[in-house]
N, C-alpha and C. Protein backbone atom coordinates (compact mmCIF):
# COMPACT_ATOMS: atom_id res chain seq x y z
N UNK A 1 5.58 -7.75 -8.54
CA UNK A 1 6.31 -7.43 -9.74
C UNK A 1 6.40 -5.90 -9.82
N UNK A 2 7.55 -5.39 -10.16
CA UNK A 2 7.72 -3.96 -10.33
C UNK A 2 8.11 -3.66 -11.76
N UNK A 3 7.89 -2.44 -12.16
CA UNK A 3 8.25 -2.03 -13.51
C UNK A 3 8.25 -0.53 -13.62
N UNK A 4 8.44 -0.05 -14.83
CA UNK A 4 8.47 1.39 -15.11
C UNK A 4 7.33 1.68 -16.09
N UNK A 5 6.46 2.61 -15.74
CA UNK A 5 5.39 3.05 -16.64
C UNK A 5 6.03 4.01 -17.64
N UNK A 6 6.16 3.56 -18.87
CA UNK A 6 6.87 4.33 -19.90
C UNK A 6 5.98 5.31 -20.65
N UNK A 7 4.74 4.92 -20.92
CA UNK A 7 3.87 5.78 -21.72
C UNK A 7 2.40 5.54 -21.39
N UNK A 8 1.62 6.61 -21.45
CA UNK A 8 0.17 6.54 -21.28
C UNK A 8 -0.43 7.43 -22.37
N UNK A 9 -1.31 6.85 -23.19
CA UNK A 9 -1.93 7.65 -24.24
C UNK A 9 -3.33 7.13 -24.53
N UNK A 10 -4.15 8.01 -25.10
CA UNK A 10 -5.53 7.65 -25.42
C UNK A 10 -5.62 7.21 -26.87
N UNK A 11 -6.22 6.04 -27.09
CA UNK A 11 -6.43 5.50 -28.43
C UNK A 11 -7.83 5.94 -28.88
N UNK A 12 -7.88 6.96 -29.74
CA UNK A 12 -9.16 7.52 -30.18
C UNK A 12 -9.97 6.53 -31.01
N UNK A 13 -9.29 5.68 -31.77
CA UNK A 13 -9.98 4.72 -32.61
C UNK A 13 -10.75 3.70 -31.76
N UNK A 14 -10.07 3.12 -30.76
CA UNK A 14 -10.70 2.11 -29.90
C UNK A 14 -11.34 2.69 -28.64
N UNK A 15 -11.19 4.01 -28.46
CA UNK A 15 -11.76 4.72 -27.31
C UNK A 15 -11.34 4.09 -25.99
N UNK A 16 -10.03 3.96 -25.82
CA UNK A 16 -9.49 3.42 -24.56
C UNK A 16 -8.10 4.01 -24.31
N UNK A 17 -7.66 3.92 -23.09
CA UNK A 17 -6.33 4.38 -22.73
C UNK A 17 -5.37 3.21 -22.84
N UNK A 18 -4.23 3.44 -23.45
CA UNK A 18 -3.21 2.40 -23.60
C UNK A 18 -2.01 2.78 -22.73
N UNK A 19 -1.38 1.76 -22.18
CA UNK A 19 -0.22 1.97 -21.32
C UNK A 19 0.91 1.05 -21.75
N UNK A 20 2.11 1.56 -21.64
CA UNK A 20 3.29 0.74 -21.93
C UNK A 20 4.09 0.65 -20.64
N UNK A 21 4.30 -0.58 -20.18
CA UNK A 21 5.00 -0.81 -18.91
C UNK A 21 6.18 -1.75 -19.17
N UNK A 22 7.35 -1.34 -18.73
CA UNK A 22 8.54 -2.20 -18.80
C UNK A 22 8.70 -2.91 -17.47
N UNK A 23 8.72 -4.24 -17.49
CA UNK A 23 8.95 -5.02 -16.27
C UNK A 23 10.25 -5.80 -16.42
N UNK A 24 10.88 -6.09 -15.27
CA UNK A 24 12.13 -6.81 -15.30
C UNK A 24 11.90 -8.29 -15.62
N UNK A 25 12.82 -8.86 -16.37
CA UNK A 25 12.75 -10.28 -16.68
C UNK A 25 11.79 -10.59 -17.82
N UNK A 26 11.71 -11.87 -18.13
CA UNK A 26 10.83 -12.34 -19.20
C UNK A 26 9.60 -12.98 -18.59
N UNK A 27 8.49 -12.26 -18.61
CA UNK A 27 7.24 -12.78 -18.06
C UNK A 27 6.23 -13.07 -19.16
N UNK A 28 6.71 -13.08 -20.39
CA UNK A 28 5.83 -13.29 -21.54
C UNK A 28 5.04 -14.59 -21.42
N UNK A 29 5.70 -15.68 -21.06
CA UNK A 29 5.01 -16.97 -20.96
C UNK A 29 3.96 -16.97 -19.85
N UNK A 30 4.22 -16.20 -18.78
CA UNK A 30 3.27 -16.15 -17.66
C UNK A 30 1.97 -15.46 -18.03
N UNK A 31 2.03 -14.49 -18.96
CA UNK A 31 0.85 -13.68 -19.25
C UNK A 31 0.33 -13.80 -20.67
N UNK A 32 1.01 -14.52 -21.55
CA UNK A 32 0.57 -14.60 -22.94
C UNK A 32 -0.82 -15.22 -23.08
N UNK A 33 -1.20 -16.09 -22.15
CA UNK A 33 -2.53 -16.70 -22.20
C UNK A 33 -3.66 -15.73 -21.90
N UNK A 34 -3.32 -14.56 -21.40
CA UNK A 34 -4.34 -13.57 -21.06
C UNK A 34 -4.57 -12.55 -22.18
N UNK A 35 -3.83 -12.67 -23.26
CA UNK A 35 -3.96 -11.73 -24.37
C UNK A 35 -5.39 -11.74 -24.91
N UNK A 36 -5.97 -10.55 -25.02
CA UNK A 36 -7.33 -10.42 -25.54
C UNK A 36 -8.42 -10.67 -24.51
N UNK A 37 -8.06 -11.02 -23.28
CA UNK A 37 -9.05 -11.29 -22.23
C UNK A 37 -9.11 -10.13 -21.26
N UNK A 38 -10.25 -9.97 -20.62
CA UNK A 38 -10.41 -8.92 -19.63
C UNK A 38 -9.65 -9.32 -18.37
N UNK A 39 -8.82 -8.42 -17.86
CA UNK A 39 -8.00 -8.70 -16.68
C UNK A 39 -8.18 -7.57 -15.67
N UNK A 40 -7.88 -7.87 -14.42
CA UNK A 40 -7.87 -6.86 -13.36
C UNK A 40 -6.49 -6.22 -13.33
N UNK A 41 -6.45 -4.90 -13.33
CA UNK A 41 -5.17 -4.18 -13.36
C UNK A 41 -5.13 -3.23 -12.18
N UNK A 42 -4.01 -3.25 -11.47
CA UNK A 42 -3.79 -2.29 -10.38
C UNK A 42 -2.37 -1.76 -10.51
N UNK A 43 -2.27 -0.45 -10.61
CA UNK A 43 -0.96 0.19 -10.73
C UNK A 43 -0.84 1.19 -9.59
N UNK A 44 0.21 1.05 -8.81
CA UNK A 44 0.48 1.97 -7.71
C UNK A 44 1.92 2.42 -7.80
N UNK A 45 2.19 3.56 -7.21
CA UNK A 45 3.56 4.04 -7.15
C UNK A 45 4.34 3.12 -6.23
N UNK A 46 5.51 2.68 -6.67
CA UNK A 46 6.35 1.81 -5.88
C UNK A 46 7.11 2.63 -4.86
N UNK A 47 7.27 2.09 -3.70
CA UNK A 47 8.09 2.76 -2.69
C UNK A 47 8.92 1.71 -1.96
N UNK A 48 10.06 2.14 -1.50
CA UNK A 48 10.94 1.24 -0.77
C UNK A 48 10.36 1.02 0.62
N UNK A 49 10.20 -0.23 1.00
CA UNK A 49 9.64 -0.54 2.30
C UNK A 49 10.67 -0.28 3.39
N UNK A 50 10.16 -0.07 4.58
CA UNK A 50 11.02 0.19 5.72
C UNK A 50 11.87 -1.04 6.04
N UNK A 51 13.14 -0.84 6.32
CA UNK A 51 14.04 -1.95 6.63
C UNK A 51 13.74 -2.48 8.04
N UNK A 52 14.25 -3.66 8.35
CA UNK A 52 14.06 -4.22 9.69
C UNK A 52 14.70 -3.33 10.74
N UNK A 53 15.84 -2.73 10.39
CA UNK A 53 16.51 -1.82 11.33
C UNK A 53 15.65 -0.60 11.60
N UNK A 54 15.09 -0.02 10.54
CA UNK A 54 14.22 1.15 10.70
C UNK A 54 12.97 0.78 11.48
N UNK A 55 12.42 -0.39 11.24
CA UNK A 55 11.23 -0.83 11.95
C UNK A 55 11.54 -1.02 13.44
N UNK A 56 12.69 -1.60 13.75
CA UNK A 56 13.09 -1.78 15.15
C UNK A 56 13.25 -0.42 15.83
N UNK A 57 13.85 0.54 15.13
CA UNK A 57 14.04 1.87 15.67
C UNK A 57 12.70 2.55 15.92
N UNK A 58 11.76 2.39 14.99
CA UNK A 58 10.42 2.95 15.16
C UNK A 58 9.79 2.43 16.45
N UNK A 59 9.84 1.11 16.67
CA UNK A 59 9.22 0.53 17.85
C UNK A 59 9.97 0.91 19.12
N UNK A 60 11.26 1.13 19.02
CA UNK A 60 12.03 1.62 20.17
C UNK A 60 11.55 3.02 20.56
N UNK A 61 11.39 3.89 19.56
CA UNK A 61 10.90 5.24 19.84
C UNK A 61 9.47 5.22 20.36
N UNK A 62 8.62 4.38 19.78
CA UNK A 62 7.25 4.26 20.26
C UNK A 62 7.25 3.82 21.72
N UNK A 63 8.12 2.88 22.06
CA UNK A 63 8.21 2.41 23.44
C UNK A 63 8.60 3.52 24.40
N UNK A 64 9.58 4.34 24.02
CA UNK A 64 10.01 5.45 24.87
C UNK A 64 8.91 6.49 25.04
N UNK A 65 8.25 6.84 23.93
CA UNK A 65 7.15 7.81 24.00
C UNK A 65 5.97 7.27 24.82
N UNK A 66 5.65 6.01 24.62
CA UNK A 66 4.53 5.40 25.34
C UNK A 66 4.81 5.39 26.84
N UNK A 67 6.05 5.12 27.20
CA UNK A 67 6.43 5.11 28.62
C UNK A 67 6.25 6.50 29.23
N UNK A 68 6.65 7.54 28.48
CA UNK A 68 6.48 8.92 28.95
C UNK A 68 5.01 9.29 29.12
N UNK A 69 4.18 8.78 28.24
CA UNK A 69 2.75 9.08 28.26
C UNK A 69 1.97 8.13 29.16
N UNK A 70 2.63 7.10 29.69
CA UNK A 70 2.00 6.08 30.55
C UNK A 70 0.88 5.34 29.83
N UNK A 71 1.15 4.99 28.57
CA UNK A 71 0.21 4.18 27.80
C UNK A 71 0.99 3.04 27.16
N UNK A 72 0.29 2.07 26.61
CA UNK A 72 0.98 0.93 25.99
C UNK A 72 1.50 1.31 24.60
N UNK A 73 2.45 0.54 24.12
CA UNK A 73 3.02 0.76 22.79
C UNK A 73 1.94 0.68 21.71
N UNK A 74 1.06 -0.30 21.84
CA UNK A 74 0.03 -0.51 20.82
C UNK A 74 -0.95 0.66 20.77
N UNK A 75 -1.34 1.19 21.93
CA UNK A 75 -2.25 2.33 21.95
C UNK A 75 -1.60 3.53 21.27
N UNK A 76 -0.32 3.80 21.58
CA UNK A 76 0.37 4.91 20.93
C UNK A 76 0.51 4.67 19.43
N UNK A 77 0.85 3.45 19.03
CA UNK A 77 0.96 3.12 17.61
C UNK A 77 -0.36 3.38 16.90
N UNK A 78 -1.47 2.97 17.51
CA UNK A 78 -2.79 3.20 16.92
C UNK A 78 -3.11 4.69 16.81
N UNK A 79 -2.72 5.47 17.82
CA UNK A 79 -2.92 6.91 17.77
C UNK A 79 -2.13 7.53 16.60
N UNK A 80 -0.89 7.08 16.44
CA UNK A 80 -0.06 7.59 15.35
C UNK A 80 -0.65 7.22 13.99
N UNK A 81 -1.14 6.00 13.86
CA UNK A 81 -1.78 5.60 12.60
C UNK A 81 -2.98 6.48 12.30
N UNK A 82 -3.80 6.72 13.33
CA UNK A 82 -5.01 7.51 13.14
C UNK A 82 -4.67 8.96 12.75
N UNK A 83 -3.63 9.53 13.37
CA UNK A 83 -3.29 10.92 13.09
C UNK A 83 -2.54 11.12 11.78
N UNK A 84 -1.68 10.18 11.41
CA UNK A 84 -0.77 10.43 10.31
C UNK A 84 -0.95 9.53 9.08
N UNK A 85 -1.87 8.58 9.13
CA UNK A 85 -2.11 7.73 7.96
C UNK A 85 -2.80 8.53 6.86
N UNK A 86 -2.56 8.14 5.62
CA UNK A 86 -3.18 8.80 4.48
C UNK A 86 -4.22 7.88 3.86
N UNK A 87 -5.34 8.46 3.42
CA UNK A 87 -6.33 7.64 2.71
C UNK A 87 -5.79 7.21 1.35
N UNK A 88 -6.36 6.15 0.79
CA UNK A 88 -5.95 5.68 -0.53
C UNK A 88 -7.19 5.20 -1.28
N UNK A 89 -7.04 5.02 -2.57
CA UNK A 89 -8.14 4.52 -3.39
C UNK A 89 -7.99 3.02 -3.56
N UNK A 90 -9.08 2.29 -3.36
CA UNK A 90 -9.04 0.84 -3.59
C UNK A 90 -9.20 0.57 -5.08
N UNK A 91 -9.29 -0.70 -5.45
CA UNK A 91 -9.35 -1.10 -6.85
C UNK A 91 -10.59 -0.56 -7.57
N UNK A 92 -11.61 -0.19 -6.81
CA UNK A 92 -12.85 0.30 -7.41
C UNK A 92 -12.96 1.82 -7.36
N UNK A 93 -11.89 2.51 -6.91
CA UNK A 93 -11.89 3.96 -6.85
C UNK A 93 -12.52 4.54 -5.59
N UNK A 94 -12.82 3.69 -4.61
CA UNK A 94 -13.39 4.16 -3.35
C UNK A 94 -12.28 4.60 -2.40
N UNK A 95 -12.51 5.67 -1.66
CA UNK A 95 -11.52 6.14 -0.69
C UNK A 95 -11.54 5.22 0.52
N UNK A 96 -10.37 4.75 0.93
CA UNK A 96 -10.24 3.85 2.07
C UNK A 96 -9.35 4.52 3.12
N UNK A 97 -9.69 4.33 4.39
CA UNK A 97 -8.89 4.86 5.48
C UNK A 97 -8.83 3.80 6.56
N UNK A 98 -7.64 3.59 7.14
CA UNK A 98 -7.53 2.71 8.30
C UNK A 98 -8.09 3.46 9.49
N UNK A 99 -8.95 2.84 10.23
CA UNK A 99 -9.45 3.43 11.46
C UNK A 99 -9.36 2.39 12.55
N UNK A 100 -8.66 2.73 13.60
CA UNK A 100 -8.48 1.80 14.71
C UNK A 100 -9.07 2.46 15.95
N UNK A 101 -9.96 1.79 16.66
CA UNK A 101 -10.55 2.38 17.86
C UNK A 101 -9.47 2.83 18.83
N UNK A 102 -9.69 3.97 19.46
CA UNK A 102 -8.71 4.57 20.34
C UNK A 102 -8.27 3.65 21.47
N UNK A 103 -9.21 2.88 22.02
CA UNK A 103 -8.89 2.05 23.19
C UNK A 103 -8.39 0.65 22.82
N UNK A 104 -8.16 0.38 21.54
CA UNK A 104 -7.70 -0.93 21.12
C UNK A 104 -6.28 -1.18 21.61
N UNK A 105 -6.12 -2.26 22.38
CA UNK A 105 -4.80 -2.56 22.93
C UNK A 105 -4.37 -4.00 22.63
N UNK A 106 -5.26 -4.79 22.11
CA UNK A 106 -4.95 -6.20 21.83
C UNK A 106 -5.13 -6.49 20.37
N UNK A 107 -4.13 -7.09 19.77
CA UNK A 107 -4.20 -7.46 18.35
C UNK A 107 -5.34 -8.45 18.14
N UNK A 108 -5.62 -9.29 19.15
CA UNK A 108 -6.66 -10.31 19.02
C UNK A 108 -8.05 -9.69 18.84
N UNK A 109 -8.22 -8.40 19.10
CA UNK A 109 -9.53 -7.77 18.94
C UNK A 109 -9.83 -7.43 17.49
N UNK A 110 -8.83 -7.54 16.61
CA UNK A 110 -9.05 -7.26 15.19
C UNK A 110 -9.55 -8.52 14.50
N UNK A 111 -10.61 -8.39 13.76
CA UNK A 111 -11.13 -9.52 12.98
C UNK A 111 -11.06 -9.17 11.52
């Protein structure tokens, strides 16, 4: 579900932060049963995902670079992830980073 975060303010009386979010469509019936109950909330900045065409182009370029470097596509992809990935905060505020062993070449090695 996506929406627009319209307002964020601190409620001094109740000592909590209040947020106003506009979401598309009518989801009132889906969430009205949760009113007054403690819920898990996660808000992240929305971004447009890469299209299938862009993804195909990425793998085409990875293939060409990997061939020049005489390594497999997966090894190069893992190197790129390690060098250019950004850390993020999980739901509990802990910093998370993807780390893939340098020599990983088989998807089946991931558990």
